Structure formats: structure tokens, C-alpha cells
Amino acid sequence: MRLATWNVNSIRTRVGRVADWLDRAEVDVLAIQETKCRDEQFPFEPFEDRGYEVAHAGFNQWNGVALVSRVGLDDVEITFPGQPGFDRDAGEALIAAPVVDARAIAATCNGVRVWSLYVPNGRAVADPHYQYKLEWLATLRDNAERWLTADPQAQIALVGDWNIAPLDEDVWSLAYFADKTHISEPERKAFQAVLDTGFTDVVRPHTPGPGVYTYWDYTQLRFPRREGMRIDFILATAALAARVTGAHIDREERKGKAPSDHAPVVVDIAD
């Protein structure tokens, strides 16, 4: 099975690119983030015409996550238990589920429980959205631990845009990000806490080294200057990680006309 994740930065704008890429890449399951549309606005037809089932969670023009699968899409779950939300109107208030952003959706695809995740950005270290991000990650971590405690052999993949660069080599300039989000110690600890429950980054071993990124800002020629970040990850339980045979980042999809600012991240899983 080939599993991929891609923050597409508006599915309606890039549905043609995504569908064409699926044709070429032979992906069985694609987790999508930042669809930026409500459920009724999602362009289902191009995927269904290709034999894919689609599950989408989108409440407004912000955020939005989806799963597209041609190997089954069972037991769809929108949001994880206790997933916090952010009250845009209140500005500083965290609010509990069910009033949450469309940032998490799961389904079982060919025996693998796949979560498409769009971790909050955090905006700035002093912004209330940063505390929201840390609480969101802490709740995800607690669920990850619970899932593995219930079944140590569980086949689970936590995939998506994590909005964290966990290692120094994952950003083009430490000086540039020194006072910004994505590399702060609390964020990195929150990412590591998820790993510590028993999950593994199954892409990095196949894509090692500094300068290997998944995201490049549209501004200031970041992409041609190779000034990016590695913030999109596929984390797998030990039982699932043992089946991973390869992985790659499709940097070519950041090129061309009207690309997303993220590239697809892909793993191959043995039967």
C-alpha cells in the first residue's frame, strides 16, 4: 500500500493537480490538509471517477482535512477525543469539543488506521494560538498513548502537516526562526512526546540530511533558494513501521503553475 500526505492549500484551487498526481504516483491512500472548504464544496467527482472513496471534514473556509482511498475507507472518525478548539471571536479563549476546527479525520484503510492531521500553526510564541497548539498536541499525545495501550500491535499512522520542525536541520535558518514558532522548545517537546508513546518517523530514514524540506513559503523566492522547512510527517506505530519499505518527498510538486506551498510525502507499506 502506498500512503501519502499533502497539505494542498485549497483543494478547489488545486484539484486538477492533485488528481493528476494521483494518476502518476499510484497512491492508494492520500491524507489531505488545508482543504479550505465546507463538506458540500469539496470536489468529490474527480476522485470518485478514479475509484477513490473520500471522507472530508470542513466546517468553513479555514482548515479542512480529508482522506482519499482506493483500498477501503471504514469507521470514519472526525476529531479525536477531547480535541480542543479555538474561539476566534473571543480571541484568547480555548473552547472544548465539539466546537472545534476541522483539523483531524481518521479512517481504516486496508487495515491501517490513518489520521489526517492539520496541527495548529501557533502564529507567534506570545499569541493565544500558540497555547492552543500545545494543548492540541498534548491531547493528541494522550490519545496516541491510549490507542497503543489498548493494542500494542495497532497499525496506526499519524500523518499530515505538524507545523513543527523537530530538528535544527529541518529549517533553512535557525537565526531566522530563533524568535518564531515551529522550532521553539515547547513545540519540539510536544512532537517528541507523541513519538515517546511508541510512534516513529518512518520518512526521515529514507530522506536523510539537512536541506530536505516539505514546505517552502511563497514569498521571497524561498523555493528556488532552497529555503524551506520539514514540517510534514508520517508517524507510525512500531507494528506499522516494520512494514515500511521506502519513502520519499515529491519535491517536483512544489514546482510549476499554482503549486501548493507543501510537497507530498509518501511511504510504501508492505502487505
Protein backbone atom coordinates (compact mmCIF):
# COMPACT_ATOMS: atom_id res chain seq x y z
CA MET A 1 0.00 0.00 0.00
CA ARG A 2 1.25 3.47 -0.84
CA LEU A 3 0.27 6.13 1.71
CA ALA A 4 0.83 9.85 1.21
CA THR A 5 0.10 13.15 2.93
CA TRP A 6 -0.20 16.56 1.31
CA ASN A 7 -1.21 19.99 2.55
CA VAL A 8 -2.77 21.23 -0.69
CA ASN A 9 -3.59 24.79 0.45
CA SER A 10 -7.11 24.79 -1.09
CA ILE A 11 -8.43 21.65 -2.75
CA ARG A 12 -10.77 23.57 -5.06
CA THR A 13 -7.85 25.58 -6.41
CA ARG A 14 -5.62 22.53 -6.90
CA VAL A 15 -7.96 19.60 -7.50
CA GLY A 16 -6.59 19.16 -11.02
CA ARG A 17 -3.01 18.99 -9.78
CA VAL A 18 -3.91 16.56 -7.01
CA ALA A 19 -5.92 14.27 -9.28
CA ASP A 20 -3.21 14.25 -11.95
CA TRP A 21 -0.60 13.48 -9.31
CA LEU A 22 -2.64 10.53 -8.04
CA ASP A 23 -2.67 9.15 -11.58
CA ARG A 24 1.11 9.36 -11.80
CA ALA A 25 2.09 8.49 -8.24
CA GLU A 26 -0.06 5.36 -7.84
CA VAL A 27 -1.04 6.36 -4.32
CA ASP A 28 -3.60 4.16 -2.56
CA VAL A 29 -4.38 6.47 0.35
CA LEU A 30 -3.89 10.24 0.41
CA ALA A 31 -4.34 12.33 3.56
CA ILE A 32 -5.09 15.93 2.66
CA GLN A 33 -4.85 19.03 4.83
CA GLU A 34 -5.98 22.63 4.43
CA THR A 35 -8.80 21.88 2.02
CA LYS A 36 -10.31 25.30 2.83
CA CYS A 37 -13.90 24.35 2.08
CA ARG A 38 -17.09 23.05 3.63
CA ASP A 39 -18.13 19.44 3.03
CA GLU A 40 -20.65 20.38 0.34
CA GLN A 41 -17.96 22.34 -1.52
CA PHE A 42 -15.42 19.52 -1.73
CA PRO A 43 -14.78 18.35 -5.35
CA PHE A 44 -15.60 14.67 -4.85
CA GLU A 45 -16.13 13.73 -8.51
CA PRO A 46 -12.53 13.78 -9.82
CA PHE A 47 -11.51 11.35 -7.07
CA GLU A 48 -14.54 9.11 -7.27
CA ASP A 49 -14.10 8.90 -11.07
CA ARG A 50 -10.66 7.44 -10.37
CA GLY A 51 -12.01 4.80 -7.99
CA TYR A 52 -11.27 6.58 -4.72
CA GLU A 53 -13.61 6.95 -1.76
CA VAL A 54 -13.50 10.29 0.02
CA ALA A 55 -14.08 11.38 3.62
CA HIS A 56 -13.88 15.10 4.35
CA ALA A 57 -14.26 17.37 7.36
CA GLY A 58 -14.65 21.04 6.60
CA PHE A 59 -16.75 23.50 8.57
CA ASN A 60 -15.90 26.77 6.82
CA GLN A 61 -13.28 28.33 4.56
CA TRP A 62 -10.49 27.62 7.06
CA ASN A 63 -8.51 24.44 7.73
CA GLY A 64 -10.23 21.26 6.47
CA VAL A 65 -8.91 17.68 6.29
CA ALA A 66 -9.70 14.71 4.09
CA LEU A 67 -8.85 11.11 3.34
CA VAL A 68 -8.94 9.71 -0.19
CA SER A 69 -8.61 5.93 -0.51
CA ARG A 70 -8.94 3.20 -3.12
CA VAL A 71 -8.30 0.41 -0.59
CA GLY A 72 -11.20 0.98 1.79
CA LEU A 73 -12.40 3.82 3.97
CA ASP A 74 -14.01 2.35 7.07
CA ASP A 75 -15.01 3.65 10.51
CA VAL A 76 -14.58 7.31 9.66
CA GLU A 77 -13.99 9.48 12.73
CA ILE A 78 -13.95 13.29 12.71
CA THR A 79 -11.83 14.82 15.52
CA PHE A 80 -10.03 12.77 18.17
CA PRO A 81 -11.48 12.51 21.70
CA GLY A 82 -11.14 15.74 23.64
CA GLN A 83 -9.73 17.65 20.67
CA PRO A 84 -9.60 21.33 21.74
CA GLY A 85 -10.79 24.21 19.64
CA PHE A 86 -10.01 27.89 19.37
CA ASP A 87 -12.58 30.66 19.74
CA ARG A 88 -11.71 33.22 17.05
CA ASP A 89 -14.31 35.65 18.33
CA ALA A 90 -13.12 35.54 21.92
CA GLY A 91 -9.52 35.88 20.76
CA GLU A 92 -7.88 34.39 23.82
CA ALA A 93 -10.28 31.65 24.87
CA LEU A 94 -9.77 27.96 24.35
CA ILE A 95 -13.00 26.09 23.90
CA ALA A 96 -13.67 22.39 24.30
CA ALA A 97 -15.12 19.98 21.75
CA PRO A 98 -17.48 19.76 19.94
CA VAL A 99 -16.87 23.37 18.78
CA VAL A 100 -13.54 22.62 17.10
CA ASP A 101 -11.63 23.36 13.92
CA ALA A 102 -11.63 20.82 11.11
CA ARG A 103 -8.13 19.53 11.85
CA ALA A 104 -8.39 15.75 12.27
CA ILE A 105 -10.10 12.91 10.43
CA ALA A 106 -9.44 9.17 10.60
CA ALA A 107 -10.46 6.04 8.74
CA THR A 108 -9.28 2.46 8.47
CA CYS A 109 -7.74 1.80 5.06
CA ASN A 110 -6.68 -1.75 4.25
CA GLY A 111 -6.23 -2.49 7.95
CA VAL A 112 -4.31 0.71 8.77
CA ARG A 113 -5.88 3.39 10.92
CA VAL A 114 -4.89 6.62 9.16
CA TRP A 115 -5.27 10.03 10.80
CA SER A 116 -5.03 13.11 8.57
CA LEU A 117 -3.88 15.90 10.90
CA TYR A 118 -3.50 19.63 10.49
CA VAL A 119 -1.77 20.83 13.65
CA PRO A 120 -2.49 24.46 14.59
CA ASN A 121 0.13 26.90 13.35
CA GLY A 122 0.62 28.74 16.64
CA ARG A 123 1.11 32.09 14.84
CA ALA A 124 3.58 33.61 17.35
CA VAL A 125 5.04 32.47 20.66
CA ALA A 126 3.14 35.18 22.51
CA ASP A 127 -0.14 34.53 20.68
CA PRO A 128 -3.00 32.60 22.38
CA HIS A 129 -2.99 30.35 19.31
CA TYR A 130 0.41 29.05 20.44
CA GLN A 131 -1.05 27.77 23.72
CA TYR A 132 -3.91 26.27 21.73
CA LYS A 133 -1.33 24.46 19.58
CA LEU A 134 0.41 22.99 22.63
CA GLU A 135 -2.87 21.87 24.19
CA TRP A 136 -3.96 20.33 20.89
CA LEU A 137 -0.72 18.35 20.67
CA ALA A 138 -0.93 17.26 24.32
CA THR A 139 -4.43 15.88 23.76
CA LEU A 140 -3.28 14.08 20.62
CA ARG A 141 -0.38 12.61 22.59
CA ASP A 142 -2.75 11.32 25.30
CA ASN A 143 -4.91 9.65 22.67
CA ALA A 144 -1.89 8.11 20.95
CA GLU A 145 -0.80 6.59 24.25
CA ARG A 146 -4.30 5.29 24.91
CA TRP A 147 -4.57 3.67 21.47
CA LEU A 148 -1.28 1.83 21.89
CA THR A 149 -2.02 0.80 25.46
CA ALA A 150 -5.27 -0.74 24.25
CA ASP A 151 -3.48 -2.56 21.41
CA PRO A 152 0.35 -2.59 21.33
CA GLN A 153 0.22 -4.16 17.85
CA ALA A 154 -2.08 -1.49 16.43
CA GLN A 155 -1.47 -0.37 12.85
CA ILE A 156 -1.82 3.41 13.14
CA ALA A 157 -0.40 6.26 11.05
CA LEU A 158 -0.49 9.87 12.26
CA VAL A 159 0.14 11.89 9.11
CA GLY A 160 -0.07 15.46 8.00
CA ASP A 161 1.14 19.00 8.48
CA TRP A 162 2.55 19.16 12.02
CA ASN A 163 3.70 22.79 11.81
CA ILE A 164 6.82 21.80 13.79
CA ALA A 165 10.41 21.39 12.62
CA PRO A 166 11.69 18.96 15.28
CA LEU A 167 15.41 19.11 14.40
CA ASP A 168 17.73 22.01 13.70
CA GLU A 169 18.44 20.62 10.23
CA ASP A 170 14.72 20.89 9.42
CA VAL A 171 14.84 24.66 8.83
CA TRP A 172 16.90 26.66 6.39
CA SER A 173 18.00 29.20 9.02
CA LEU A 174 17.98 28.82 12.79
CA ALA A 175 18.72 32.52 13.14
CA TYR A 176 15.65 33.45 11.11
CA PHE A 177 13.37 31.24 13.24
CA ALA A 178 15.02 31.98 16.59
CA ASP A 179 12.11 34.02 17.95
CA LYS A 180 9.35 32.35 15.92
CA THR A 181 7.11 29.33 16.24
CA HIS A 182 7.81 25.89 14.75
CA ILE A 183 11.21 25.39 16.40
CA SER A 184 10.53 26.52 19.97
CA GLU A 185 11.44 24.09 22.74
CA PRO A 186 7.83 23.51 23.93
CA GLU A 187 6.72 22.66 20.38
CA ARG A 188 9.61 20.27 19.85
CA LYS A 189 8.93 18.63 23.19
CA ALA A 190 5.29 18.21 22.25
CA PHE A 191 6.29 16.49 19.00
CA GLN A 192 8.75 14.25 20.84
CA ALA A 193 6.07 13.37 23.39
CA VAL A 194 3.97 11.86 20.59
CA LEU A 195 6.97 9.83 19.44
CA ASP A 196 7.60 8.69 23.00
CA THR A 197 4.22 6.97 23.14
CA GLY A 198 5.55 4.46 20.60
CA PHE A 199 5.39 6.17 17.21
CA THR A 200 8.26 6.51 14.71
CA ASP A 201 9.01 8.95 11.91
CA VAL A 202 9.12 6.48 9.02
CA VAL A 203 10.12 9.01 6.33
CA ARG A 204 13.34 10.53 7.67
CA PRO A 205 15.40 7.29 7.48
CA HIS A 206 14.72 7.25 3.72
CA THR A 207 15.18 11.02 3.23
CA PRO A 208 18.13 11.91 5.48
CA GLY A 209 20.21 15.02 5.78
CA PRO A 210 19.88 18.78 6.15
CA GLY A 211 18.14 20.70 3.42
CA VAL A 212 15.44 18.07 2.96
CA TYR A 213 12.21 20.02 3.26
CA THR A 214 8.46 19.62 2.71
CA TYR A 215 7.41 23.28 2.81
CA TRP A 216 8.63 26.49 1.20
CA ASP A 217 6.94 29.86 1.71
CA TYR A 218 5.62 31.56 -1.42
CA THR A 219 7.42 34.81 -0.57
CA GLN A 220 11.00 35.95 -1.18
CA LEU A 221 11.80 33.16 -3.64
CA ARG A 222 12.06 30.65 -0.80
CA PHE A 223 11.65 27.62 -3.07
CA PRO A 224 14.28 28.38 -5.73
CA ARG A 225 16.62 29.49 -2.95
CA ARG A 226 16.02 26.17 -1.16
CA GLU A 227 14.90 27.98 1.99
CA GLY A 228 12.34 25.58 3.39
CA MET A 229 11.22 23.57 6.38
CA ARG A 230 10.49 19.92 7.10
CA ILE A 231 7.12 20.09 8.86
CA ASP A 232 5.06 17.33 7.19
CA PHE A 233 5.44 13.87 8.73
CA ILE A 234 4.17 10.32 8.70
CA LEU A 235 4.45 8.78 12.16
CA ALA A 236 3.72 5.08 12.52
CA THR A 237 3.34 2.62 15.37
CA ALA A 238 6.10 0.02 15.69
CA ALA A 239 3.91 -2.67 14.13
CA LEU A 240 3.25 -0.50 11.10
CA ALA A 241 6.79 0.93 10.88
CA ALA A 242 8.12 -2.61 10.50
CA ARG A 243 6.21 -2.85 7.21
CA VAL A 244 7.55 0.38 5.66
CA THR A 245 9.83 -0.39 2.72
CA GLY A 246 10.52 3.09 1.38
CA ALA A 247 9.61 6.76 1.49
CA HIS A 248 10.16 9.94 -0.47
CA ILE A 249 9.22 13.62 -0.66
CA ASP A 250 7.92 14.62 -4.08
CA ARG A 251 9.65 17.99 -4.36
CA GLU A 252 8.67 18.27 -8.03
CA GLU A 253 5.09 19.03 -6.99
CA ARG A 254 6.22 22.32 -5.46
CA LYS A 255 7.12 23.44 -8.98
CA GLY A 256 5.01 24.53 -11.92
CA LYS A 257 1.85 26.60 -12.17
CA ALA A 258 -0.06 27.43 -8.96
CA PRO A 259 1.53 24.82 -6.68
CA SER A 260 0.78 24.30 -3.01
CA ASP A 261 3.48 25.59 -0.70
CA HIS A 262 3.89 22.00 0.55
CA ALA A 263 5.13 18.88 -1.24
CA PRO A 264 3.57 15.41 -0.93
CA VAL A 265 5.24 12.98 1.46
CA VAL A 266 4.94 9.30 0.53
CA VAL A 267 5.61 5.92 2.19
CA ASP A 268 5.38 2.38 0.84
CA ILE A 269 3.96 -0.27 3.15
CA ALA A 270 4.41 -3.99 2.51
CA ASP A 271 1.40 -6.30 2.64
